[in-house]
Amino acid sequence: MTLEKIAEAEAARDELAAALKRNGIVLPSLSVDPLSYSSEPPRPLIELGRCNPETARRLAAVIGGRGGRS
């Protein structure tokens, strides 16, 4: 069960990274938080990490439906 949850979280992280990349956005710290799947039952979380203001604005534009590329 734990390995399945970890694999599911890693797949979700990869899907998000790919979607962001298609919109010209890279979150360098995007990862699965290893501490989050150590609980019982495991509840893996995706760590989005930090980004600079320009990346935050581009991300907001994509989420808001205005597109991310300038």
PDB file of N, CA and C in Angstrom:
ATOM      1  N   MET A   1       0.826  -1.198   0.000  1.00  0.00           N
ATOM      2  CA  MET A   1       0.000   0.000   0.000  1.00  0.00           C
ATOM      3  C   MET A   1       0.864   1.254   0.000  1.00  0.00           C
ATOM      4  N   THR A   2       1.890   1.285   0.832  1.00  0.00           N
ATOM      5  CA  THR A   2       2.739   2.465   0.927  1.00  0.00           C
ATOM      6  C   THR A   2       3.430   2.756  -0.398  1.00  0.00           C
ATOM      7  N   LEU A   3       3.968   1.731  -1.042  1.00  0.00           N
ATOM      8  CA  LEU A   3       4.644   1.943  -2.319  1.00  0.00           C
ATOM      9  C   LEU A   3       3.678   2.452  -3.379  1.00  0.00           C
ATOM     10  N   GLU A   4       2.436   1.982  -3.343  1.00  0.00           N
ATOM     11  CA  GLU A   4       1.427   2.467  -4.283  1.00  0.00           C
ATOM     12  C   GLU A   4       1.145   3.941  -4.056  1.00  0.00           C
ATOM     13  N   LYS A   5       1.019   4.341  -2.798  1.00  0.00           N
ATOM     14  CA  LYS A   5       0.754   5.746  -2.470  1.00  0.00           C
ATOM     15  C   LYS A   5       1.913   6.634  -2.909  1.00  0.00           C
ATOM     16  N   ILE A   6       3.126   6.171  -2.691  1.00  0.00           N
ATOM     17  CA  ILE A   6       4.304   6.936  -3.094  1.00  0.00           C
ATOM     18  C   ILE A   6       4.346   7.066  -4.615  1.00  0.00           C
ATOM     19  N   ALA A   7       4.109   5.965  -5.311  1.00  0.00           N
ATOM     20  CA  ALA A   7       4.106   5.991  -6.775  1.00  0.00           C
ATOM     21  C   ALA A   7       3.014   6.916  -7.298  1.00  0.00           C
ATOM     22  N   GLU A   8       1.852   6.899  -6.664  1.00  0.00           N
ATOM     23  CA  GLU A   8       0.750   7.775  -7.060  1.00  0.00           C
ATOM     24  C   GLU A   8       1.138   9.240  -6.871  1.00  0.00           C
ATOM     25  N   ALA A   9       1.771   9.553  -5.747  1.00  0.00           N
ATOM     26  CA  ALA A   9       2.204  10.923  -5.478  1.00  0.00           C
ATOM     27  C   ALA A   9       3.274  11.361  -6.476  1.00  0.00           C
ATOM     28  N   GLU A  10       4.207  10.476  -6.794  1.00  0.00           N
ATOM     29  CA  GLU A  10       5.251  10.806  -7.765  1.00  0.00           C
ATOM     30  C   GLU A  10       4.657  11.032  -9.152  1.00  0.00           C
ATOM     31  N   ALA A  11       3.664  10.237  -9.518  1.00  0.00           N
ATOM     32  CA  ALA A  11       3.001  10.413 -10.813  1.00  0.00           C
ATOM     33  C   ALA A  11       2.264  11.752 -10.862  1.00  0.00           C
ATOM     34  N   ALA A  12       1.603  12.108  -9.765  1.00  0.00           N
ATOM     35  CA  ALA A  12       0.902  13.395  -9.703  1.00  0.00           C
ATOM     36  C   ALA A  12       1.894  14.547  -9.823  1.00  0.00           C
ATOM     37  N   ARG A  13       3.038  14.418  -9.137  1.00  0.00           N
ATOM     38  CA  ARG A  13       4.085  15.441  -9.230  1.00  0.00           C
ATOM     39  C   ARG A  13       4.563  15.579 -10.669  1.00  0.00           C
ATOM     40  N   ASP A  14       4.789  14.458 -11.333  1.00  0.00           N
ATOM     41  CA  ASP A  14       5.267  14.481 -12.713  1.00  0.00           C
ATOM     42  C   ASP A  14       4.234  15.093 -13.655  1.00  0.00           C
ATOM     43  N   GLU A  15       2.953  14.775 -13.447  1.00  0.00           N
ATOM     44  CA  GLU A  15       1.886  15.356 -14.270  1.00  0.00           C
ATOM     45  C   GLU A  15       1.834  16.864 -14.092  1.00  0.00           C
ATOM     46  N   LEU A  16       1.950  17.321 -12.848  1.00  0.00           N
ATOM     47  CA  LEU A  16       1.939  18.757 -12.579  1.00  0.00           C
ATOM     48  C   LEU A  16       3.149  19.433 -13.210  1.00  0.00           C
ATOM     49  N   ALA A  17       4.327  18.839 -13.051  1.00  0.00           N
ATOM     50  CA  ALA A  17       5.544  19.411 -13.636  1.00  0.00           C
ATOM     51  C   ALA A  17       5.411  19.525 -15.157  1.00  0.00           C
ATOM     52  N   ALA A  18       4.858  18.502 -15.792  1.00  0.00           N
ATOM     53  CA  ALA A  18       4.685  18.517 -17.246  1.00  0.00           C
ATOM     54  C   ALA A  18       3.693  19.595 -17.673  1.00  0.00           C
ATOM     55  N   ALA A  19       2.592  19.727 -16.953  1.00  0.00           N
ATOM     56  CA  ALA A  19       1.596  20.748 -17.281  1.00  0.00           C
ATOM     57  C   ALA A  19       2.179  22.147 -17.112  1.00  0.00           C
ATOM     58  N   LEU A  20       2.931  22.345 -16.043  1.00  0.00           N
ATOM     59  CA  LEU A  20       3.570  23.641 -15.831  1.00  0.00           C
ATOM     60  C   LEU A  20       4.576  23.928 -16.941  1.00  0.00           C
ATOM     61  N   LYS A  21       5.372  22.931 -17.300  1.00  0.00           N
ATOM     62  CA  LYS A  21       6.394  23.110 -18.337  1.00  0.00           C
ATOM     63  C   LYS A  21       5.761  23.482 -19.673  1.00  0.00           C
ATOM     64  N   ARG A  22       4.615  22.873 -19.993  1.00  0.00           N
ATOM     65  CA  ARG A  22       3.915  23.213 -21.241  1.00  0.00           C
ATOM     66  C   ARG A  22       3.521  24.681 -21.275  1.00  0.00           C
ATOM     67  N   ASN A  23       3.404  25.282 -20.096  1.00  0.00           N
ATOM     68  CA  ASN A  23       3.048  26.690 -19.994  1.00  0.00           C
ATOM     69  C   ASN A  23       4.254  27.564 -19.673  1.00  0.00           C
ATOM     70  N   GLY A  24       5.447  26.999 -19.833  1.00  0.00           N
ATOM     71  CA  GLY A  24       6.667  27.767 -19.630  1.00  0.00           C
ATOM     72  C   GLY A  24       7.011  28.041 -18.185  1.00  0.00           C
ATOM     73  N   ILE A  25       6.512  27.210 -17.271  1.00  0.00           N
ATOM     74  CA  ILE A  25       6.731  27.416 -15.841  1.00  0.00           C
ATOM     75  C   ILE A  25       7.488  26.227 -15.267  1.00  0.00           C
ATOM     76  N   VAL A  26       8.521  26.521 -14.489  1.00  0.00           N
ATOM     77  CA  VAL A  26       9.280  25.482 -13.797  1.00  0.00           C
ATOM     78  C   VAL A  26       9.320  25.832 -12.317  1.00  0.00           C
ATOM     79  N   LEU A  27       8.912  24.902 -11.473  1.00  0.00           N
ATOM     80  CA  LEU A  27       9.052  25.044 -10.026  1.00  0.00           C
ATOM     81  C   LEU A  27      10.196  24.124  -9.612  1.00  0.00           C
ATOM     82  N   PRO A  28      11.398  24.684  -9.399  1.00  0.00           N
ATOM     83  CA  PRO A  28      12.574  23.852  -9.146  1.00  0.00           C
ATOM     84  C   PRO A  28      12.462  22.959  -7.917  1.00  0.00           C
ATOM     85  N   SER A  29      11.678  23.371  -6.932  1.00  0.00           N
ATOM     86  CA  SER A  29      11.576  22.596  -5.686  1.00  0.00           C
ATOM     87  C   SER A  29      10.409  21.623  -5.681  1.00  0.00           C
ATOM     88  N   LEU A  30       9.706  21.478  -6.797  1.00  0.00           N
ATOM     89  CA  LEU A  30       8.549  20.585  -6.874  1.00  0.00           C
ATOM     90  C   LEU A  30       8.983  19.161  -6.541  1.00  0.00           C
ATOM     91  N   SER A  31       8.380  18.584  -5.505  1.00  0.00           N
ATOM     92  CA  SER A  31       8.800  17.250  -5.063  1.00  0.00           C
ATOM     93  C   SER A  31       7.719  16.610  -4.200  1.00  0.00           C
ATOM     94  N   VAL A  32       7.899  15.336  -3.927  1.00  0.00           N
ATOM     95  CA  VAL A  32       7.058  14.640  -2.961  1.00  0.00           C
ATOM     96  C   VAL A  32       7.721  14.804  -1.598  1.00  0.00           C
ATOM     97  N   ASP A  33       6.956  15.250  -0.620  1.00  0.00           N
ATOM     98  CA  ASP A  33       7.480  15.441   0.735  1.00  0.00           C
ATOM     99  C   ASP A  33       7.623  14.081   1.404  1.00  0.00           C
ATOM    100  N   PRO A  34       8.858  13.621   1.623  1.00  0.00           N
ATOM    101  CA  PRO A  34       9.041  12.276   2.179  1.00  0.00           C
ATOM    102  C   PRO A  34       8.487  12.116   3.595  1.00  0.00           C
ATOM    103  N   LEU A  35       8.433  13.184   4.363  1.00  0.00           N
ATOM    104  CA  LEU A  35       7.886  13.076   5.722  1.00  0.00           C
ATOM    105  C   LEU A  35       6.382  12.835   5.713  1.00  0.00           C
ATOM    106  N   SER A  36       5.705  13.292   4.665  1.00  0.00           N
ATOM    107  CA  SER A  36       4.250  13.166   4.621  1.00  0.00           C
ATOM    108  C   SER A  36       3.779  11.736   4.398  1.00  0.00           C
ATOM    109  N   TYR A  37       4.612  10.870   3.856  1.00  0.00           N
ATOM    110  CA  TYR A  37       4.156   9.487   3.678  1.00  0.00           C
ATOM    111  C   TYR A  37       4.700   8.552   4.736  1.00  0.00           C
ATOM    112  N   SER A  38       5.204   9.126   5.807  1.00  0.00           N
ATOM    113  CA  SER A  38       5.688   8.281   6.901  1.00  0.00           C
ATOM    114  C   SER A  38       4.599   8.012   7.942  1.00  0.00           C
ATOM    115  N   SER A  39       3.454   8.688   7.816  1.00  0.00           N
ATOM    116  CA  SER A  39       2.365   8.466   8.769  1.00  0.00           C
ATOM    117  C   SER A  39       1.624   7.178   8.420  1.00  0.00           C
ATOM    118  N   GLU A  40       0.732   6.772   9.293  1.00  0.00           N
ATOM    119  CA  GLU A  40      -0.055   5.574   9.048  1.00  0.00           C
ATOM    120  C   GLU A  40      -1.526   5.930   9.152  1.00  0.00           C
ATOM    121  N   PRO A  41      -2.319   5.868   8.129  1.00  0.00           N
ATOM    122  CA  PRO A  41      -1.930   5.463   6.788  1.00  0.00           C
ATOM    123  C   PRO A  41      -1.128   6.575   6.101  1.00  0.00           C
ATOM    124  N   PRO A  42      -0.320   6.244   5.105  1.00  0.00           N
ATOM    125  CA  PRO A  42       0.481   7.249   4.424  1.00  0.00           C
ATOM    126  C   PRO A  42      -0.402   8.243   3.675  1.00  0.00           C
ATOM    127  N   ARG A  43      -0.044   9.510   3.798  1.00  0.00           N
ATOM    128  CA  ARG A  43      -0.773  10.585   3.109  1.00  0.00           C
ATOM    129  C   ARG A  43       0.244  11.480   2.409  1.00  0.00           C
ATOM    130  N   PRO A  44       0.794  11.038   1.295  1.00  0.00           N
ATOM    131  CA  PRO A  44       1.832  11.813   0.622  1.00  0.00           C
ATOM    132  C   PRO A  44       1.321  13.176   0.166  1.00  0.00           C
ATOM    133  N   LEU A  45       2.173  14.170   0.321  1.00  0.00           N
ATOM    134  CA  LEU A  45       1.876  15.524  -0.115  1.00  0.00           C
ATOM    135  C   LEU A  45       2.890  15.957  -1.163  1.00  0.00           C
ATOM    136  N   ILE A  46       2.440  16.791  -2.079  1.00  0.00           N
ATOM    137  CA  ILE A  46       3.325  17.347  -3.091  1.00  0.00           C
ATOM    138  C   ILE A  46       3.795  18.708  -2.587  1.00  0.00           C
ATOM    139  N   GLU A  47       5.097  18.862  -2.493  1.00  0.00           N
ATOM    140  CA  GLU A  47       5.714  20.113  -2.057  1.00  0.00           C
ATOM    141  C   GLU A  47       5.929  20.982  -3.292  1.00  0.00           C
ATOM    142  N   LEU A  48       5.252  22.135  -3.336  1.00  0.00           N
ATOM    143  CA  LEU A  48       5.397  23.023  -4.487  1.00  0.00           C
ATOM    144  C   LEU A  48       6.659  23.867  -4.393  1.00  0.00           C
ATOM    145  N   GLY A  49       7.116  24.137  -3.183  1.00  0.00           N
ATOM    146  CA  GLY A  49       8.363  24.875  -3.004  1.00  0.00           C
ATOM    147  C   GLY A  49       8.210  26.366  -3.220  1.00  0.00           C
ATOM    148  N   ARG A  50       9.340  26.996  -3.405  1.00  0.00           N
ATOM    149  CA  ARG A  50       9.395  28.450  -3.562  1.00  0.00           C
ATOM    150  C   ARG A  50       9.584  28.819  -5.026  1.00  0.00           C
ATOM    151  N   CYS A  51       9.176  30.052  -5.347  1.00  0.00           N
ATOM    152  CA  CYS A  51       9.426  30.579  -6.684  1.00  0.00           C
ATOM    153  C   CYS A  51       9.588  32.088  -6.589  1.00  0.00           C
ATOM    154  N   ASN A  52      10.146  32.674  -7.630  1.00  0.00           N
ATOM    155  CA  ASN A  52      10.315  34.125  -7.640  1.00  0.00           C
ATOM    156  C   ASN A  52       8.999  34.796  -8.039  1.00  0.00           C
ATOM    157  N   PRO A  53       8.892  36.125  -7.857  1.00  0.00           N
ATOM    158  CA  PRO A  53       7.638  36.813  -8.170  1.00  0.00           C
ATOM    159  C   PRO A  53       7.191  36.645  -9.625  1.00  0.00           C
ATOM    160  N   GLU A  54       8.125  36.639 -10.567  1.00  0.00           N
ATOM    161  CA  GLU A  54       7.753  36.471 -11.971  1.00  0.00           C
ATOM    162  C   GLU A  54       7.079  35.117 -12.194  1.00  0.00           C
ATOM    163  N   THR A  55       7.646  34.073 -11.621  1.00  0.00           N
ATOM    164  CA  THR A  55       7.056  32.742 -11.760  1.00  0.00           C
ATOM    165  C   THR A  55       5.696  32.685 -11.083  1.00  0.00           C
ATOM    166  N   ALA A  56       5.564  33.321  -9.927  1.00  0.00           N
ATOM    167  CA  ALA A  56       4.273  33.354  -9.229  1.00  0.00           C
ATOM    168  C   ALA A  56       3.211  34.029 -10.093  1.00  0.00           C
ATOM    169  N   ARG A  57       3.575  35.114 -10.753  1.00  0.00           N
ATOM    170  CA  ARG A  57       2.616  35.812 -11.622  1.00  0.00           C
ATOM    171  C   ARG A  57       2.243  34.963 -12.838  1.00  0.00           C
ATOM    172  N   ARG A  58       3.232  34.271 -13.402  1.00  0.00           N
ATOM    173  CA  ARG A  58       2.944  33.412 -14.547  1.00  0.00           C
ATOM    174  C   ARG A  58       2.042  32.254 -14.135  1.00  0.00           C
ATOM    175  N   LEU A  59       2.295  31.707 -12.964  1.00  0.00           N
ATOM    176  CA  LEU A  59       1.456  30.632 -12.445  1.00  0.00           C
ATOM    177  C   LEU A  59       0.034  31.135 -12.213  1.00  0.00           C
ATOM    178  N   ALA A  60      -0.095  32.323 -11.637  1.00  0.00           N
ATOM    179  CA  ALA A  60      -1.420  32.917 -11.415  1.00  0.00           C
ATOM    180  C   ALA A  60      -2.144  33.146 -12.737  1.00  0.00           C
ATOM    181  N   ALA A  61      -1.408  33.565 -13.765  1.00  0.00           N
ATOM    182  CA  ALA A  61      -2.020  33.788 -15.073  1.00  0.00           C
ATOM    183  C   ALA A  61      -2.545  32.485 -15.667  1.00  0.00           C
ATOM    184  N   VAL A  62      -1.781  31.412 -15.529  1.00  0.00           N
ATOM    185  CA  VAL A  62      -2.219  30.115 -16.050  1.00  0.00           C
ATOM    186  C   VAL A  62      -3.450  29.631 -15.296  1.00  0.00           C
ATOM    187  N   ILE A  63      -3.416  29.734 -13.981  1.00  0.00           N
ATOM    188  CA  ILE A  63      -4.555  29.291 -13.179  1.00  0.00           C
ATOM    189  C   ILE A  63      -5.780  30.146 -13.478  1.00  0.00           C
ATOM    190  N   GLY A  64      -5.550  31.431 -13.711  1.00  0.00           N
ATOM    191  CA  GLY A  64      -6.648  32.346 -14.006  1.00  0.00           C
ATOM    192  C   GLY A  64      -7.128  32.276 -15.442  1.00  0.00           C
ATOM    193  N   GLY A  65      -6.495  31.445 -16.270  1.00  0.00           N
ATOM    194  CA  GLY A  65      -6.948  31.252 -17.637  1.00  0.00           C
ATOM    195  C   GLY A  65      -6.409  32.254 -18.639  1.00  0.00           C
ATOM    196  N   ARG A  66      -5.369  33.002 -18.272  1.00  0.00           N
ATOM    197  CA  ARG A  66      -4.826  34.000 -19.186  1.00  0.00           C
ATOM    198  C   ARG A  66      -3.579  33.515 -19.913  1.00  0.00           C
ATOM    199  N   GLY A  67      -3.173  32.282 -19.681  1.00  0.00           N
ATOM    200  CA  GLY A  67      -1.962  31.750 -20.321  1.00  0.00           C
ATOM    201  C   GLY A  67      -0.715  32.189 -19.588  1.00  0.00           C
ATOM    202  N   GLY A  68       0.329  31.380 -19.658  1.00  0.00           N
ATOM    203  CA  GLY A  68       1.531  31.652 -18.890  1.00  0.00           C
ATOM    204  C   GLY A  68       2.671  32.248 -19.676  1.00  0.00           C
ATOM    205  N   ARG A  69       2.680  32.076 -20.983  1.00  0.00           N
ATOM    206  CA  ARG A  69       3.815  32.560 -21.770  1.00  0.00           C
ATOM    207  C   ARG A  69       3.616  34.014 -22.146  1.00  0.00           C
ATOM    208  N   SER A  70       4.714  34.745 -22.105  1.00  0.00           N
ATOM    209  CA  SER A  70       4.668  36.169 -22.477  1.00  0.00           C
ATOM    210  C   SER A  70       4.973  36.335 -23.942  1.00  0.00           C
TER     211      SER A  70
END
